[in-house]
Amino acid sequence: MHSGAMEFVEMIGFAAGALTTLSYMPQAFRTYQTKSAHDLSWSMLVLYVAAVLFWIWYGIGISSMPVIISNIVLIVFVLAVCCMKFIYDGAKPGRKG
């Protein structure tokens, strides 16, 4: 692929990463506004954190800045929701809820 095509593909990667990251922001803001994460399960959150960490690792492995940057931003939001769930719901990992 020539330089212009590679730049276009990288821009598509950044757009995809931005949309993926933005798609989680409403959940983080809703959790903050309602002060409740009761409907979110610890299992889902832990699996999501693991998946995002693997995406970061993969992005590093293939030297893909769109993958690395978008998933670093995403992990911040996911970990924030985990913290809010712990604080607001008094739930500890492994308990129901």
C-alpha atoms as a PDB file:
ATOM      1  CA  MET A   1       0.000   0.000   0.000  1.00  0.00           C
ATOM      2  CA  HIS A   2       1.255   3.470  -0.747  1.00  0.00           C
ATOM      3  CA  SER A   3       1.532   6.242   1.838  1.00  0.00           C
ATOM      4  CA  GLY A   4      -1.845   7.864   1.100  1.00  0.00           C
ATOM      5  CA  ALA A   5      -3.698   4.578   1.454  1.00  0.00           C
ATOM      6  CA  MET A   6      -1.903   3.801   4.718  1.00  0.00           C
ATOM      7  CA  GLU A   7      -2.803   7.239   6.094  1.00  0.00           C
ATOM      8  CA  PHE A   8      -6.448   6.654   5.131  1.00  0.00           C
ATOM      9  CA  VAL A   9      -6.460   3.238   6.818  1.00  0.00           C
ATOM     10  CA  GLU A  10      -4.942   4.756   9.968  1.00  0.00           C
ATOM     11  CA  MET A  11      -7.609   7.483   9.956  1.00  0.00           C
ATOM     12  CA  ILE A  12     -10.275   4.785   9.713  1.00  0.00           C
ATOM     13  CA  GLY A  13      -8.625   3.087  12.703  1.00  0.00           C
ATOM     14  CA  PHE A  14      -8.701   6.302  14.722  1.00  0.00           C
ATOM     15  CA  ALA A  15     -12.366   6.866  13.778  1.00  0.00           C
ATOM     16  CA  ALA A  16     -13.283   3.315  14.809  1.00  0.00           C
ATOM     17  CA  GLY A  17     -11.383   3.675  18.072  1.00  0.00           C
ATOM     18  CA  ALA A  18     -12.988   7.034  18.828  1.00  0.00           C
ATOM     19  CA  LEU A  19     -16.487   5.675  18.209  1.00  0.00           C
ATOM     20  CA  THR A  20     -15.810   2.583  20.329  1.00  0.00           C
ATOM     21  CA  THR A  21     -14.524   4.744  23.159  1.00  0.00           C
ATOM     22  CA  LEU A  22     -17.369   7.252  22.820  1.00  0.00           C
ATOM     23  CA  SER A  23     -19.902   4.414  22.921  1.00  0.00           C
ATOM     24  CA  TYR A  24     -18.872   3.627  26.509  1.00  0.00           C
ATOM     25  CA  MET A  25     -18.951   7.238  27.734  1.00  0.00           C
ATOM     26  CA  PRO A  26     -22.767   7.389  28.161  1.00  0.00           C
ATOM     27  CA  GLN A  27     -22.563   4.390  30.499  1.00  0.00           C
ATOM     28  CA  ALA A  28     -19.858   6.053  32.583  1.00  0.00           C
ATOM     29  CA  PHE A  29     -21.777   9.345  32.759  1.00  0.00           C
ATOM     30  CA  ARG A  30     -25.088   7.595  33.527  1.00  0.00           C
ATOM     31  CA  THR A  31     -23.467   5.643  36.329  1.00  0.00           C
ATOM     32  CA  TYR A  32     -22.057   8.875  37.744  1.00  0.00           C
ATOM     33  CA  GLN A  33     -25.388  10.728  37.433  1.00  0.00           C
ATOM     34  CA  THR A  34     -27.518   7.988  39.009  1.00  0.00           C
ATOM     35  CA  LYS A  35     -24.859   6.995  41.547  1.00  0.00           C
ATOM     36  CA  SER A  36     -25.725   3.382  40.767  1.00  0.00           C
ATOM     37  CA  ALA A  37     -24.177   0.592  38.749  1.00  0.00           C
ATOM     38  CA  HIS A  38     -26.495  -2.073  40.104  1.00  0.00           C
ATOM     39  CA  ASP A  39     -27.464  -3.281  36.615  1.00  0.00           C
ATOM     40  CA  LEU A  40     -23.840  -3.860  35.621  1.00  0.00           C
ATOM     41  CA  SER A  41     -22.416  -7.220  36.594  1.00  0.00           C
ATOM     42  CA  TRP A  42     -18.910  -7.640  37.947  1.00  0.00           C
ATOM     43  CA  SER A  43     -18.427 -10.509  35.496  1.00  0.00           C
ATOM     44  CA  MET A  44     -19.077  -8.249  32.516  1.00  0.00           C
ATOM     45  CA  LEU A  45     -16.859  -5.490  33.869  1.00  0.00           C
ATOM     46  CA  VAL A  46     -13.942  -7.815  34.643  1.00  0.00           C
ATOM     47  CA  LEU A  47     -14.180  -9.459  31.207  1.00  0.00           C
ATOM     48  CA  TYR A  48     -14.364  -6.041  29.556  1.00  0.00           C
ATOM     49  CA  VAL A  49     -11.261  -4.836  31.408  1.00  0.00           C
ATOM     50  CA  ALA A  50      -9.418  -8.012  30.367  1.00  0.00           C
ATOM     51  CA  ALA A  51     -10.507  -7.593  26.733  1.00  0.00           C
ATOM     52  CA  VAL A  52      -9.389  -3.959  26.599  1.00  0.00           C
ATOM     53  CA  LEU A  53      -6.029  -4.848  28.163  1.00  0.00           C
ATOM     54  CA  PHE A  54      -5.548  -7.507  25.487  1.00  0.00           C
ATOM     55  CA  TRP A  55      -6.429  -4.941  22.786  1.00  0.00           C
ATOM     56  CA  ILE A  56      -3.769  -2.601  24.195  1.00  0.00           C
ATOM     57  CA  TRP A  57      -1.242  -5.440  24.217  1.00  0.00           C
ATOM     58  CA  TYR A  58      -2.212  -6.367  20.643  1.00  0.00           C
ATOM     59  CA  GLY A  59      -1.935  -2.726  19.535  1.00  0.00           C
ATOM     60  CA  ILE A  60       1.557  -2.546  20.988  1.00  0.00           C
ATOM     61  CA  GLY A  61       2.447  -5.806  19.255  1.00  0.00           C
ATOM     62  CA  ILE A  62       1.409  -4.510  15.847  1.00  0.00           C
ATOM     63  CA  SER A  63       2.516  -0.911  16.560  1.00  0.00           C
ATOM     64  CA  SER A  64      -0.963   0.461  15.898  1.00  0.00           C
ATOM     65  CA  MET A  65      -1.477   3.846  17.487  1.00  0.00           C
ATOM     66  CA  PRO A  66      -5.248   3.871  16.806  1.00  0.00           C
ATOM     67  CA  VAL A  67      -5.650   0.589  18.710  1.00  0.00           C
ATOM     68  CA  ILE A  68      -3.333   1.632  21.543  1.00  0.00           C
ATOM     69  CA  ILE A  69      -4.687   5.141  22.111  1.00  0.00           C
ATOM     70  CA  SER A  70      -8.389   4.333  21.842  1.00  0.00           C
ATOM     71  CA  ASN A  71      -8.096   1.395  24.222  1.00  0.00           C
ATOM     72  CA  ILE A  72      -6.028   3.326  26.770  1.00  0.00           C
ATOM     73  CA  VAL A  73      -8.773   5.967  26.856  1.00  0.00           C
ATOM     74  CA  LEU A  74     -11.425   3.240  27.003  1.00  0.00           C
ATOM     75  CA  ILE A  75      -9.755   1.458  29.929  1.00  0.00           C
ATOM     76  CA  VAL A  76      -9.928   4.717  31.908  1.00  0.00           C
ATOM     77  CA  PHE A  77     -13.710   4.850  31.454  1.00  0.00           C
ATOM     78  CA  VAL A  78     -14.197   1.157  32.215  1.00  0.00           C
ATOM     79  CA  LEU A  79     -12.069   1.342  35.355  1.00  0.00           C
ATOM     80  CA  ALA A  80     -13.969   4.475  36.403  1.00  0.00           C
ATOM     81  CA  VAL A  81     -17.244   2.540  36.123  1.00  0.00           C
ATOM     82  CA  CYS A  82     -15.703  -0.301  38.152  1.00  0.00           C
ATOM     83  CA  CYS A  83     -14.741   2.182  40.870  1.00  0.00           C
ATOM     84  CA  MET A  84     -18.195   3.751  40.819  1.00  0.00           C
ATOM     85  CA  LYS A  85     -19.839   0.332  41.088  1.00  0.00           C
ATOM     86  CA  PHE A  86     -17.696  -0.466  44.106  1.00  0.00           C
ATOM     87  CA  ILE A  87     -18.337   2.908  45.759  1.00  0.00           C
ATOM     88  CA  TYR A  88     -21.999   3.502  44.899  1.00  0.00           C
ATOM     89  CA  ASP A  89     -23.336  -0.038  45.190  1.00  0.00           C
ATOM     90  CA  GLY A  90     -21.047  -1.217  47.952  1.00  0.00           C
ATOM     91  CA  ALA A  91     -20.521  -4.299  45.810  1.00  0.00           C
ATOM     92  CA  LYS A  92     -17.323  -6.238  45.980  1.00  0.00           C
ATOM     93  CA  PRO A  93     -16.065  -8.400  43.120  1.00  0.00           C
ATOM     94  CA  GLY A  94     -17.518 -11.873  43.489  1.00  0.00           C
ATOM     95  CA  ARG A  95     -20.789 -10.716  45.074  1.00  0.00           C
ATOM     96  CA  LYS A  96     -24.059 -10.726  43.172  1.00  0.00           C
ATOM     97  CA  GLY A  97     -24.898  -7.527  41.323  1.00  0.00           C
END
